[in-house]
Amino acid sequence: MGKLSIGKYAGLCVLGGLIAYTACMAYGLLLTGQAVELHLALFQLLPGFTGMNFISWCIGAITVALWSGVGGAYIAWMHNVSIRN
């Protein structure tokens, strides 16, 4: 297996993180009762997230994108460093 492109891998991680985040937010609209409270409590761990509205979605998406990009770049870098020539 060859070296990974750090930028491409990090970009794909950002895309995957945003898709997963959006799917989780959409799923939250289907919940009722205590499940909604738990769902919102978990999302409120993201800085700036206040509820199920567009502004909170944007703030959460930026946070998820940043962490996904950093994580993806780190994984690709670690992979590239571990390859022997």
PDB file of N, CA and C in Angstrom:
ATOM      1  N   MET A   1       0.848  -1.175   0.000  1.00  0.00           N
ATOM      2  CA  MET A   1       0.000   0.000   0.000  1.00  0.00           C
ATOM      3  C   MET A   1       0.891   1.234   0.000  1.00  0.00           C
ATOM      4  N   GLY A   2       0.562   2.208  -0.806  1.00  0.00           N
ATOM      5  CA  GLY A   2       1.374   3.405  -0.946  1.00  0.00           C
ATOM      6  C   GLY A   2       1.001   4.484   0.044  1.00  0.00           C
ATOM      7  N   LYS A   3       1.668   5.601  -0.119  1.00  0.00           N
ATOM      8  CA  LYS A   3       1.407   6.738   0.755  1.00  0.00           C
ATOM      9  C   LYS A   3       0.056   7.366   0.432  1.00  0.00           C
ATOM     10  N   LEU A   4      -0.552   7.936   1.462  1.00  0.00           N
ATOM     11  CA  LEU A   4      -1.834   8.617   1.321  1.00  0.00           C
ATOM     12  C   LEU A   4      -1.605  10.108   1.123  1.00  0.00           C
ATOM     13  N   SER A   5      -2.471  10.724   0.347  1.00  0.00           N
ATOM     14  CA  SER A   5      -2.461  12.178   0.228  1.00  0.00           C
ATOM     15  C   SER A   5      -3.147  12.735   1.473  1.00  0.00           C
ATOM     16  N   ILE A   6      -2.386  13.479   2.269  1.00  0.00           N
ATOM     17  CA  ILE A   6      -2.935  13.981   3.531  1.00  0.00           C
ATOM     18  C   ILE A   6      -4.134  14.894   3.281  1.00  0.00           C
ATOM     19  N   GLY A   7      -4.023  15.782   2.300  1.00  0.00           N
ATOM     20  CA  GLY A   7      -5.130  16.697   2.010  1.00  0.00           C
ATOM     21  C   GLY A   7      -6.382  15.981   1.535  1.00  0.00           C
ATOM     22  N   LYS A   8      -6.203  15.006   0.641  1.00  0.00           N
ATOM     23  CA  LYS A   8      -7.362  14.276   0.114  1.00  0.00           C
ATOM     24  C   LYS A   8      -8.003  13.433   1.212  1.00  0.00           C
ATOM     25  N   TYR A   9      -7.195  12.760   2.015  1.00  0.00           N
ATOM     26  CA  TYR A   9      -7.723  11.913   3.083  1.00  0.00           C
ATOM     27  C   TYR A   9      -8.451  12.759   4.131  1.00  0.00           C
ATOM     28  N   ALA A  10      -7.854  13.894   4.515  1.00  0.00           N
ATOM     29  CA  ALA A  10      -8.496  14.776   5.485  1.00  0.00           C
ATOM     30  C   ALA A  10      -9.810  15.326   4.917  1.00  0.00           C
ATOM     31  N   GLY A  11      -9.827  15.664   3.630  1.00  0.00           N
ATOM     32  CA  GLY A  11     -11.055  16.153   3.000  1.00  0.00           C
ATOM     33  C   GLY A  11     -12.158  15.111   2.989  1.00  0.00           C
ATOM     34  N   LEU A  12     -11.791  13.861   2.733  1.00  0.00           N
ATOM     35  CA  LEU A  12     -12.781  12.790   2.762  1.00  0.00           C
ATOM     36  C   LEU A  12     -13.304  12.548   4.180  1.00  0.00           C
ATOM     37  N   CYS A  13     -12.428  12.700   5.167  1.00  0.00           N
ATOM     38  CA  CYS A  13     -12.867  12.571   6.557  1.00  0.00           C
ATOM     39  C   CYS A  13     -13.835  13.695   6.930  1.00  0.00           C
ATOM     40  N   VAL A  14     -13.562  14.900   6.457  1.00  0.00           N
ATOM     41  CA  VAL A  14     -14.472  16.028   6.697  1.00  0.00           C
ATOM     42  C   VAL A  14     -15.829  15.731   6.070  1.00  0.00           C
ATOM     43  N   LEU A  15     -15.834  15.273   4.825  1.00  0.00           N
ATOM     44  CA  LEU A  15     -17.086  14.954   4.145  1.00  0.00           C
ATOM     45  C   LEU A  15     -17.860  13.871   4.898  1.00  0.00           C
ATOM     46  N   GLY A  16     -17.169  12.826   5.298  1.00  0.00           N
ATOM     47  CA  GLY A  16     -17.823  11.747   6.047  1.00  0.00           C
ATOM     48  C   GLY A  16     -18.362  12.220   7.382  1.00  0.00           C
ATOM     49  N   GLY A  17     -17.608  13.066   8.072  1.00  0.00           N
ATOM     50  CA  GLY A  17     -18.068  13.600   9.349  1.00  0.00           C
ATOM     51  C   GLY A  17     -19.306  14.455   9.200  1.00  0.00           C
ATOM     52  N   LEU A  18     -19.337  15.273   8.150  1.00  0.00           N
ATOM     53  CA  LEU A  18     -20.510  16.129   7.927  1.00  0.00           C
ATOM     54  C   LEU A  18     -21.736  15.320   7.530  1.00  0.00           C
ATOM     55  N   ILE A  19     -21.544  14.280   6.755  1.00  0.00           N
ATOM     56  CA  ILE A  19     -22.672  13.411   6.390  1.00  0.00           C
ATOM     57  C   ILE A  19     -23.228  12.717   7.630  1.00  0.00           C
ATOM     58  N   ALA A  20     -22.341  12.180   8.461  1.00  0.00           N
ATOM     59  CA  ALA A  20     -22.779  11.507   9.685  1.00  0.00           C
ATOM     60  C   ALA A  20     -23.461  12.491  10.636  1.00  0.00           C
ATOM     61  N   TYR A  21     -22.912  13.687  10.777  1.00  0.00           N
ATOM     62  CA  TYR A  21     -23.491  14.712  11.651  1.00  0.00           C
ATOM     63  C   TYR A  21     -24.893  15.100  11.180  1.00  0.00           C
ATOM     64  N   THR A  22     -25.036  15.313   9.879  1.00  0.00           N
ATOM     65  CA  THR A  22     -26.345  15.679   9.329  1.00  0.00           C
ATOM     66  C   THR A  22     -27.352  14.550   9.497  1.00  0.00           C
ATOM     67  N   ALA A  23     -26.917  13.311   9.292  1.00  0.00           N
ATOM     68  CA  ALA A  23     -27.812  12.159   9.488  1.00  0.00           C
ATOM     69  C   ALA A  23     -28.261  12.063  10.945  1.00  0.00           C
ATOM     70  N   CYS A  24     -27.357  12.301  11.876  1.00  0.00           N
ATOM     71  CA  CYS A  24     -27.719  12.264  13.299  1.00  0.00           C
ATOM     72  C   CYS A  24     -28.696  13.379  13.654  1.00  0.00           C
ATOM     73  N   MET A  25     -28.467  14.555  13.095  1.00  0.00           N
ATOM     74  CA  MET A  25     -29.387  15.659  13.354  1.00  0.00           C
ATOM     75  C   MET A  25     -30.773  15.363  12.786  1.00  0.00           C
ATOM     76  N   ALA A  26     -30.822  14.794  11.581  1.00  0.00           N
ATOM     77  CA  ALA A  26     -32.115  14.454  10.967  1.00  0.00           C
ATOM     78  C   ALA A  26     -32.820  13.373  11.782  1.00  0.00           C
ATOM     79  N   TYR A  27     -32.057  12.396  12.262  1.00  0.00           N
ATOM     80  CA  TYR A  27     -32.645  11.332  13.090  1.00  0.00           C
ATOM     81  C   TYR A  27     -33.241  11.919  14.370  1.00  0.00           C
ATOM     82  N   GLY A  28     -32.611  12.951  14.917  1.00  0.00           N
ATOM     83  CA  GLY A  28     -33.108  13.581  16.135  1.00  0.00           C
ATOM     84  C   GLY A  28     -34.495  14.170  15.975  1.00  0.00           C
ATOM     85  N   LEU A  29     -34.863  14.534  14.769  1.00  0.00           N
ATOM     86  CA  LEU A  29     -36.203  15.078  14.528  1.00  0.00           C
ATOM     87  C   LEU A  29     -37.286  14.014  14.646  1.00  0.00           C
ATOM     88  N   LEU A  30     -36.903  12.750  14.590  1.00  0.00           N
ATOM     89  CA  LEU A  30     -37.860  11.653  14.679  1.00  0.00           C
ATOM     90  C   LEU A  30     -38.074  11.164  16.110  1.00  0.00           C
ATOM     91  N   LEU A  31     -37.251  11.624  17.035  1.00  0.00           N
ATOM     92  CA  LEU A  31     -37.309  11.145  18.415  1.00  0.00           C
ATOM     93  C   LEU A  31     -38.381  11.871  19.212  1.00  0.00           C
ATOM     94  N   THR A  32     -38.813  11.231  20.296  1.00  0.00           N
ATOM     95  CA  THR A  32     -39.802  11.836  21.187  1.00  0.00           C
ATOM     96  C   THR A  32     -39.399  11.574  22.637  1.00  0.00           C
ATOM     97  N   GLY A  33     -39.968  12.342  23.534  1.00  0.00           N
ATOM     98  CA  GLY A  33     -39.798  12.127  24.969  1.00  0.00           C
ATOM     99  C   GLY A  33     -38.373  12.292  25.455  1.00  0.00           C
ATOM    100  N   GLN A  34     -37.962  11.363  26.323  1.00  0.00           N
ATOM    101  CA  GLN A  34     -36.644  11.444  26.930  1.00  0.00           C
ATOM    102  C   GLN A  34     -35.521  11.222  25.921  1.00  0.00           C
ATOM    103  N   ALA A  35     -35.826  10.546  24.832  1.00  0.00           N
ATOM    104  CA  ALA A  35     -34.813  10.331  23.795  1.00  0.00           C
ATOM    105  C   ALA A  35     -34.375  11.665  23.182  1.00  0.00           C
ATOM    106  N   VAL A  36     -35.300  12.592  23.030  1.00  0.00           N
ATOM    107  CA  VAL A  36     -34.962  13.918  22.499  1.00  0.00           C
ATOM    108  C   VAL A  36     -34.034  14.649  23.473  1.00  0.00           C
ATOM    109  N   GLU A  37     -34.353  14.553  24.763  1.00  0.00           N
ATOM    110  CA  GLU A  37     -33.528  15.215  25.767  1.00  0.00           C
ATOM    111  C   GLU A  37     -32.104  14.664  25.767  1.00  0.00           C
ATOM    112  N   LEU A  38     -31.972  13.344  25.674  1.00  0.00           N
ATOM    113  CA  LEU A  38     -30.651  12.730  25.633  1.00  0.00           C
ATOM    114  C   LEU A  38     -29.903  13.126  24.359  1.00  0.00           C
ATOM    115  N   HIS A  39     -30.606  13.111  23.251  1.00  0.00           N
ATOM    116  CA  HIS A  39     -30.012  13.471  21.958  1.00  0.00           C
ATOM    117  C   HIS A  39     -29.466  14.901  22.004  1.00  0.00           C
ATOM    118  N   LEU A  40     -30.261  15.823  22.498  1.00  0.00           N
ATOM    119  CA  LEU A  40     -29.823  17.219  22.591  1.00  0.00           C
ATOM    120  C   LEU A  40     -28.684  17.381  23.596  1.00  0.00           C
ATOM    121  N   ALA A  41     -28.748  16.635  24.699  1.00  0.00           N
ATOM    122  CA  ALA A  41     -27.683  16.726  25.699  1.00  0.00           C
ATOM    123  C   ALA A  41     -26.344  16.273  25.110  1.00  0.00           C
ATOM    124  N   LEU A  42     -26.360  15.241  24.293  1.00  0.00           N
ATOM    125  CA  LEU A  42     -25.119  14.782  23.664  1.00  0.00           C
ATOM    126  C   LEU A  42     -24.590  15.805  22.666  1.00  0.00           C
ATOM    127  N   PHE A  43     -25.481  16.389  21.879  1.00  0.00           N
ATOM    128  CA  PHE A  43     -25.040  17.395  20.913  1.00  0.00           C
ATOM    129  C   PHE A  43     -24.574  18.681  21.597  1.00  0.00           C
ATOM    130  N   GLN A  44     -25.078  18.960  22.789  1.00  0.00           N
ATOM    131  CA  GLN A  44     -24.656  20.169  23.493  1.00  0.00           C
ATOM    132  C   GLN A  44     -23.231  20.062  24.007  1.00  0.00           C
ATOM    133  N   LEU A  45     -22.601  18.904  23.840  1.00  0.00           N
ATOM    134  CA  LEU A  45     -21.175  18.783  24.134  1.00  0.00           C
ATOM    135  C   LEU A  45     -20.336  19.526  23.092  1.00  0.00           C
ATOM    136  N   LEU A  46     -20.923  19.782  21.920  1.00  0.00           N
ATOM    137  CA  LEU A  46     -20.240  20.565  20.893  1.00  0.00           C
ATOM    138  C   LEU A  46     -20.294  22.043  21.277  1.00  0.00           C
ATOM    139  N   PRO A  47     -19.190  22.759  21.188  1.00  0.00           N
ATOM    140  CA  PRO A  47     -19.184  24.179  21.559  1.00  0.00           C
ATOM    141  C   PRO A  47     -20.149  24.990  20.691  1.00  0.00           C
ATOM    142  N   GLY A  48     -20.993  25.792  21.335  1.00  0.00           N
ATOM    143  CA  GLY A  48     -21.908  26.674  20.625  1.00  0.00           C
ATOM    144  C   GLY A  48     -23.223  26.043  20.211  1.00  0.00           C
ATOM    145  N   PHE A  49     -23.392  24.741  20.412  1.00  0.00           N
ATOM    146  CA  PHE A  49     -24.644  24.086  20.027  1.00  0.00           C
ATOM    147  C   PHE A  49     -25.708  24.389  21.071  1.00  0.00           C
ATOM    148  N   THR A  50     -26.854  24.920  20.632  1.00  0.00           N
ATOM    149  CA  THR A  50     -27.909  25.298  21.584  1.00  0.00           C
ATOM    150  C   THR A  50     -29.227  24.566  21.359  1.00  0.00           C
ATOM    151  N   GLY A  51     -29.465  24.014  20.194  1.00  0.00           N
ATOM    152  CA  GLY A  51     -30.728  23.338  19.949  1.00  0.00           C
ATOM    153  C   GLY A  51     -30.852  22.903  18.505  1.00  0.00           C
ATOM    154  N   MET A  52     -32.035  22.444  18.158  1.00  0.00           N
ATOM    155  CA  MET A  52     -32.277  21.933  16.816  1.00  0.00           C
ATOM    156  C   MET A  52     -32.716  23.074  15.898  1.00  0.00           C
ATOM    157  N   ASN A  53     -31.776  23.942  15.545  1.00  0.00           N
ATOM    158  CA  ASN A  53     -32.062  25.011  14.591  1.00  0.00           C
ATOM    159  C   ASN A  53     -30.881  25.154  13.640  1.00  0.00           C
ATOM    160  N   PHE A  54     -31.050  25.965  12.617  1.00  0.00           N
ATOM    161  CA  PHE A  54     -30.048  26.061  11.556  1.00  0.00           C
ATOM    162  C   PHE A  54     -28.715  26.622  12.053  1.00  0.00           C
ATOM    163  N   ILE A  55     -28.761  27.622  12.922  1.00  0.00           N
ATOM    164  CA  ILE A  55     -27.521  28.219  13.429  1.00  0.00           C
ATOM    165  C   ILE A  55     -26.731  27.190  14.229  1.00  0.00           C
ATOM    166  N   SER A  56     -27.415  26.438  15.081  1.00  0.00           N
ATOM    167  CA  SER A  56     -26.728  25.388  15.850  1.00  0.00           C
ATOM    168  C   SER A  56     -26.167  24.321  14.932  1.00  0.00           C
ATOM    169  N   TRP A  57     -26.918  23.984  13.881  1.00  0.00           N
ATOM    170  CA  TRP A  57     -26.415  22.993  12.930  1.00  0.00           C
ATOM    171  C   TRP A  57     -25.123  23.502  12.296  1.00  0.00           C
ATOM    172  N   CYS A  58     -25.101  24.764  11.898  1.00  0.00           N
ATOM    173  CA  CYS A  58     -23.898  25.337  11.268  1.00  0.00           C
ATOM    174  C   CYS A  58     -22.708  25.335  12.218  1.00  0.00           C
ATOM    175  N   ILE A  59     -22.929  25.749  13.457  1.00  0.00           N
ATOM    176  CA  ILE A  59     -21.837  25.772  14.433  1.00  0.00           C
ATOM    177  C   ILE A  59     -21.331  24.359  14.685  1.00  0.00           C
ATOM    178  N   GLY A  60     -22.242  23.414  14.848  1.00  0.00           N
ATOM    179  CA  GLY A  60     -21.847  22.017  15.047  1.00  0.00           C
ATOM    180  C   GLY A  60     -21.131  21.447  13.833  1.00  0.00           C
ATOM    181  N   ALA A  61     -21.594  21.812  12.640  1.00  0.00           N
ATOM    182  CA  ALA A  61     -20.960  21.320  11.412  1.00  0.00           C
ATOM    183  C   ALA A  61     -19.532  21.835  11.292  1.00  0.00           C
ATOM    184  N   ILE A  62     -19.318  23.084  11.657  1.00  0.00           N
ATOM    185  CA  ILE A  62     -17.959  23.639  11.618  1.00  0.00           C
ATOM    186  C   ILE A  62     -17.061  22.902  12.605  1.00  0.00           C
ATOM    187  N   THR A  63     -17.572  22.652  13.805  1.00  0.00           N
ATOM    188  CA  THR A  63     -16.796  21.932  14.812  1.00  0.00           C
ATOM    189  C   THR A  63     -16.466  20.519  14.348  1.00  0.00           C
ATOM    190  N   VAL A  64     -17.463  19.811  13.836  1.00  0.00           N
ATOM    191  CA  VAL A  64     -17.247  18.436  13.348  1.00  0.00           C
ATOM    192  C   VAL A  64     -16.267  18.441  12.180  1.00  0.00           C
ATOM    193  N   ALA A  65     -16.406  19.404  11.277  1.00  0.00           N
ATOM    194  CA  ALA A  65     -15.499  19.480  10.128  1.00  0.00           C
ATOM    195  C   ALA A  65     -14.058  19.703  10.574  1.00  0.00           C
ATOM    196  N   LEU A  66     -13.858  20.606  11.519  1.00  0.00           N
ATOM    197  CA  LEU A  66     -12.502  20.876  12.005  1.00  0.00           C
ATOM    198  C   LEU A  66     -11.879  19.639  12.642  1.00  0.00           C
ATOM    199  N   TRP A  67     -12.617  18.988  13.540  1.00  0.00           N
ATOM    200  CA  TRP A  67     -12.075  17.805  14.212  1.00  0.00           C
ATOM    201  C   TRP A  67     -11.889  16.644  13.248  1.00  0.00           C
ATOM    202  N   SER A  68     -12.791  16.486  12.292  1.00  0.00           N
ATOM    203  CA  SER A  68     -12.637  15.418  11.300  1.00  0.00           C
ATOM    204  C   SER A  68     -11.420  15.655  10.426  1.00  0.00           C
ATOM    205  N   GLY A  69     -11.204  16.900  10.022  1.00  0.00           N
ATOM    206  CA  GLY A  69     -10.039  17.228   9.208  1.00  0.00           C
ATOM    207  C   GLY A  69      -8.737  17.006   9.946  1.00  0.00           C
ATOM    208  N   VAL A  70      -8.686  17.426  11.196  1.00  0.00           N
ATOM    209  CA  VAL A  70      -7.482  17.220  12.004  1.00  0.00           C
ATOM    210  C   VAL A  70      -7.233  15.727  12.203  1.00  0.00           C
ATOM    211  N   GLY A  71      -8.291  14.991  12.534  1.00  0.00           N
ATOM    212  CA  GLY A  71      -8.150  13.546  12.726  1.00  0.00           C
ATOM    213  C   GLY A  71      -7.719  12.836  11.455  1.00  0.00           C
ATOM    214  N   GLY A  72      -8.306  13.204  10.336  1.00  0.00           N
ATOM    215  CA  GLY A  72      -7.946  12.590   9.063  1.00  0.00           C
ATOM    216  C   GLY A  72      -6.519  12.882   8.663  1.00  0.00           C
ATOM    217  N   ALA A  73      -6.084  14.132   8.865  1.00  0.00           N
ATOM    218  CA  ALA A  73      -4.699  14.492   8.541  1.00  0.00           C
ATOM    219  C   ALA A  73      -3.724  13.726   9.427  1.00  0.00           C
ATOM    220  N   TYR A  74      -4.060  13.578  10.692  1.00  0.00           N
ATOM    221  CA  TYR A  74      -3.196  12.842  11.625  1.00  0.00           C
ATOM    222  C   TYR A  74      -3.090  11.367  11.239  1.00  0.00           C
ATOM    223  N   ILE A  75      -4.219  10.760  10.910  1.00  0.00           N
ATOM    224  CA  ILE A  75      -4.213   9.344  10.514  1.00  0.00           C
ATOM    225  C   ILE A  75      -3.391   9.148   9.242  1.00  0.00           C
ATOM    226  N   ALA A  76      -3.583  10.004   8.252  1.00  0.00           N
ATOM    227  CA  ALA A  76      -2.827   9.880   7.000  1.00  0.00           C
ATOM    228  C   ALA A  76      -1.341  10.098   7.250  1.00  0.00           C
ATOM    229  N   TRP A  77      -0.998  11.075   8.085  1.00  0.00           N
ATOM    230  CA  TRP A  77       0.401  11.333   8.398  1.00  0.00           C
ATOM    231  C   TRP A  77       1.029  10.127   9.102  1.00  0.00           C
ATOM    232  N   MET A  78       0.308   9.561  10.084  1.00  0.00           N
ATOM    233  CA  MET A  78       0.820   8.385  10.801  1.00  0.00           C
ATOM    234  C   MET A  78       0.989   7.206   9.842  1.00  0.00           C
ATOM    235  N   HIS A  79       0.070   7.037   8.924  1.00  0.00           N
ATOM    236  CA  HIS A  79       0.176   5.966   7.936  1.00  0.00           C
ATOM    237  C   HIS A  79       1.427   6.168   7.073  1.00  0.00           C
ATOM    238  N   ASN A  80       1.610   7.384   6.582  1.00  0.00           N
ATOM    239  CA  ASN A  80       2.755   7.672   5.706  1.00  0.00           C
ATOM    240  C   ASN A  80       4.079   7.497   6.435  1.00  0.00           C
ATOM    241  N   VAL A  81       4.130   7.871   7.699  1.00  0.00           N
ATOM    242  CA  VAL A  81       5.367   7.732   8.466  1.00  0.00           C
ATOM    243  C   VAL A  81       5.702   6.258   8.705  1.00  0.00           C
ATOM    244  N   SER A  82       4.673   5.433   8.839  1.00  0.00           N
ATOM    245  CA  SER A  82       4.904   4.025   9.183  1.00  0.00           C
ATOM    246  C   SER A  82       5.310   3.169   7.990  1.00  0.00           C
ATOM    247  N   ILE A  83       5.205   3.699   6.764  1.00  0.00           N
ATOM    248  CA  ILE A  83       5.556   2.921   5.573  1.00  0.00           C
ATOM    249  C   ILE A  83       7.079   2.858   5.429  1.00  0.00           C
ATOM    250  N   ARG A  84       7.563   1.672   5.171  1.00  0.00           N
ATOM    251  CA  ARG A  84       9.012   1.494   4.935  1.00  0.00           C
ATOM    252  C   ARG A  84       9.284   1.604   3.454  1.00  0.00           C
ATOM    253  N   ASN A  85      10.371   2.232   3.107  1.00  0.00           N
ATOM    254  CA  ASN A  85      10.752   2.383   1.692  1.00  0.00           C
ATOM    255  C   ASN A  85      11.376   1.138   1.150  1.00  0.00           C
TER     256      ASN A  85
END
